[in-house]
N, C-alpha and C. Protein backbone atom coordinates (compact mmCIF):
# COMPACT_ATOMS: atom_id res chain seq x y z
N ILE A 1 96.10 119.15 82.64
CA ILE A 1 96.80 118.33 83.61
C ILE A 1 95.87 117.95 84.76
N VAL A 2 95.16 118.94 85.27
CA VAL A 2 94.28 118.68 86.41
C VAL A 2 93.12 117.76 86.02
N LEU A 3 92.53 117.99 84.87
CA LEU A 3 91.40 117.15 84.45
C LEU A 3 91.83 115.70 84.24
N THR A 4 92.99 115.51 83.66
CA THR A 4 93.48 114.15 83.44
C THR A 4 93.75 113.46 84.77
N ALA A 5 94.38 114.17 85.69
CA ALA A 5 94.68 113.59 87.00
C ALA A 5 93.41 113.26 87.77
N VAL A 6 92.44 114.17 87.73
CA VAL A 6 91.18 113.93 88.44
C VAL A 6 90.44 112.74 87.83
N ALA A 7 90.45 112.63 86.53
CA ALA A 7 89.79 111.50 85.88
C ALA A 7 90.45 110.18 86.27
N ALA A 8 91.76 110.15 86.30
CA ALA A 8 92.46 108.93 86.68
C ALA A 8 92.23 108.60 88.16
N MET A 9 92.21 109.63 89.01
CA MET A 9 91.94 109.40 90.44
C MET A 9 90.51 108.89 90.64
N ALA A 10 89.57 109.43 89.89
CA ALA A 10 88.19 108.97 89.99
C ALA A 10 88.09 107.50 89.59
N GLY A 11 88.83 107.10 88.59
CA GLY A 11 88.86 105.70 88.20
C GLY A 11 89.47 104.83 89.28
N GLY A 12 90.45 105.36 89.99
CA GLY A 12 91.07 104.62 91.08
C GLY A 12 90.14 104.42 92.26
N PHE A 13 89.23 105.38 92.48
CA PHE A 13 88.29 105.25 93.59
C PHE A 13 87.37 104.04 93.42
N PHE A 14 87.10 103.65 92.19
CA PHE A 14 86.21 102.52 91.96
C PHE A 14 86.85 101.18 92.31
N ILE A 15 88.16 101.10 92.30
CA ILE A 15 88.80 99.83 92.64
C ILE A 15 89.32 99.80 94.08
N LEU A 16 89.00 100.82 94.86
CA LEU A 16 89.40 100.81 96.27
C LEU A 16 88.72 99.70 97.06
N ASP A 17 87.52 99.31 96.67
CA ASP A 17 86.78 98.27 97.38
C ASP A 17 87.33 96.87 97.14
N ASP A 18 88.01 96.67 96.05
CA ASP A 18 88.54 95.35 95.71
C ASP A 18 89.72 95.01 96.62
N PRO A 19 89.70 93.87 97.30
CA PRO A 19 90.80 93.54 98.22
C PRO A 19 92.14 93.30 97.51
N ILE A 20 92.10 92.89 96.27
CA ILE A 20 93.34 92.62 95.55
C ILE A 20 93.97 93.91 95.02
N PHE A 21 93.15 94.79 94.48
CA PHE A 21 93.67 95.99 93.83
C PHE A 21 93.61 97.25 94.68
N SER A 22 93.25 97.14 95.95
CA SER A 22 93.13 98.35 96.77
C SER A 22 94.48 99.03 96.98
N GLY A 23 95.54 98.27 97.14
CA GLY A 23 96.87 98.86 97.29
C GLY A 23 97.30 99.60 96.04
N LEU A 24 96.99 99.02 94.90
CA LEU A 24 97.28 99.68 93.63
C LEU A 24 96.49 100.98 93.51
N ALA A 25 95.24 100.95 93.92
CA ALA A 25 94.40 102.15 93.82
C ALA A 25 94.92 103.26 94.72
N VAL A 26 95.33 102.92 95.93
CA VAL A 26 95.85 103.93 96.85
C VAL A 26 97.12 104.55 96.29
N SER A 27 98.04 103.73 95.81
CA SER A 27 99.28 104.28 95.26
C SER A 27 99.02 105.09 94.00
N LEU A 28 98.06 104.68 93.20
CA LEU A 28 97.70 105.43 92.00
C LEU A 28 97.14 106.80 92.35
N ILE A 29 96.22 106.84 93.30
CA ILE A 29 95.57 108.10 93.67
C ILE A 29 96.58 109.07 94.28
N PHE A 30 97.36 108.61 95.25
CA PHE A 30 98.31 109.52 95.89
C PHE A 30 99.47 109.89 94.97
N GLY A 31 99.88 108.98 94.11
CA GLY A 31 100.92 109.30 93.14
C GLY A 31 100.48 110.37 92.17
N LEU A 32 99.25 110.27 91.70
CA LEU A 32 98.72 111.30 90.80
C LEU A 32 98.57 112.63 91.52
N LEU A 33 98.13 112.59 92.77
CA LEU A 33 97.96 113.82 93.54
C LEU A 33 99.30 114.52 93.74
N VAL A 34 100.31 113.78 94.15
CA VAL A 34 101.62 114.37 94.40
C VAL A 34 102.26 114.86 93.11
N SER A 35 102.18 114.08 92.05
CA SER A 35 102.80 114.52 90.80
C SER A 35 102.10 115.74 90.21
N THR A 36 100.79 115.83 90.38
CA THR A 36 100.06 117.01 89.91
C THR A 36 100.47 118.24 90.70
N LEU A 37 100.57 118.10 92.02
CA LEU A 37 101.00 119.24 92.83
C LEU A 37 102.43 119.65 92.49
N LEU A 38 103.30 118.69 92.27
CA LEU A 38 104.67 119.03 91.88
C LEU A 38 104.70 119.77 90.55
N THR A 39 103.92 119.29 89.60
CA THR A 39 103.90 119.89 88.28
C THR A 39 103.33 121.30 88.28
N LEU A 40 102.29 121.52 89.04
CA LEU A 40 101.59 122.80 88.98
C LEU A 40 102.04 123.81 90.02
N VAL A 41 102.68 123.37 91.10
CA VAL A 41 103.04 124.31 92.17
C VAL A 41 104.55 124.37 92.40
N VAL A 42 105.15 123.25 92.74
CA VAL A 42 106.53 123.24 93.20
C VAL A 42 107.51 123.60 92.09
N ILE A 43 107.40 122.97 90.95
CA ILE A 43 108.35 123.22 89.87
C ILE A 43 108.30 124.66 89.38
N PRO A 44 107.13 125.27 89.17
CA PRO A 44 107.13 126.69 88.77
C PRO A 44 107.72 127.62 89.83
N VAL A 45 107.49 127.34 91.11
CA VAL A 45 108.04 128.19 92.17
C VAL A 45 109.56 128.07 92.21
N VAL A 46 110.08 126.87 92.09
CA VAL A 46 111.53 126.68 92.07
C VAL A 46 112.14 127.34 90.84
N TYR A 47 111.51 127.20 89.70
CA TYR A 47 111.99 127.82 88.47
C TYR A 47 112.03 129.34 88.62
N TYR A 48 110.98 129.91 89.19
CA TYR A 48 110.93 131.36 89.40
C TYR A 48 112.07 131.81 90.31
N GLY A 49 112.30 131.07 91.38
CA GLY A 49 113.38 131.43 92.30
C GLY A 49 114.74 131.37 91.65
N VAL A 50 114.99 130.34 90.86
CA VAL A 50 116.28 130.20 90.18
C VAL A 50 116.47 131.30 89.16
N MET A 51 115.44 131.58 88.38
CA MET A 51 115.56 132.61 87.35
C MET A 51 115.70 134.00 87.97
N LYS A 52 115.07 134.24 89.10
CA LYS A 52 115.19 135.53 89.78
C LYS A 52 116.63 135.77 90.23
N LYS A 53 117.26 134.72 90.77
CA LYS A 53 118.66 134.84 91.18
C LYS A 53 119.56 135.08 89.98
N ARG A 54 119.29 134.40 88.87
CA ARG A 54 120.10 134.57 87.67
C ARG A 54 120.00 135.99 87.12
N VAL A 55 118.80 136.51 87.09
CA VAL A 55 118.60 137.87 86.56
C VAL A 55 119.30 138.88 87.45
N LYS A 56 119.22 138.71 88.76
CA LYS A 56 119.92 139.61 89.67
C LYS A 56 121.43 139.55 89.45
N LYS A 57 121.94 138.35 89.24
CA LYS A 57 123.38 138.17 89.02
C LYS A 57 123.81 138.85 87.72
N ILE A 58 123.03 138.68 86.67
CA ILE A 58 123.35 139.29 85.38
C ILE A 58 123.28 140.81 85.47
N LEU A 59 122.26 141.33 86.13
CA LEU A 59 122.14 142.78 86.28
C LEU A 59 123.26 143.35 87.13
N ALA A 60 123.72 142.62 88.12
CA ALA A 60 124.82 143.08 88.95
C ALA A 60 126.13 143.10 88.16
N MET A 61 126.30 142.17 87.24
CA MET A 61 127.52 142.13 86.43
C MET A 61 127.54 143.27 85.42
N GLU A 62 126.38 143.71 84.96
CA GLU A 62 126.32 144.79 83.98
C GLU A 62 126.63 146.14 84.59
N ASP A 63 126.33 146.31 85.87
CA ASP A 63 126.56 147.60 86.53
C ASP A 63 127.97 147.79 86.89
């Protein structure tokens, strides 16, 4: 995931100088950065939190 995102961001850096495509390059770079961070950091943390609550609830019901 990281290598693919970095490769696409590196490609976007080459079109930053073009006046027509610079807006596209900026949105491409930041979109890839945010989606990579969401995929690798935020979603696993949220999943862990939800599953931790579920396990506690199930264990409390068994006792």
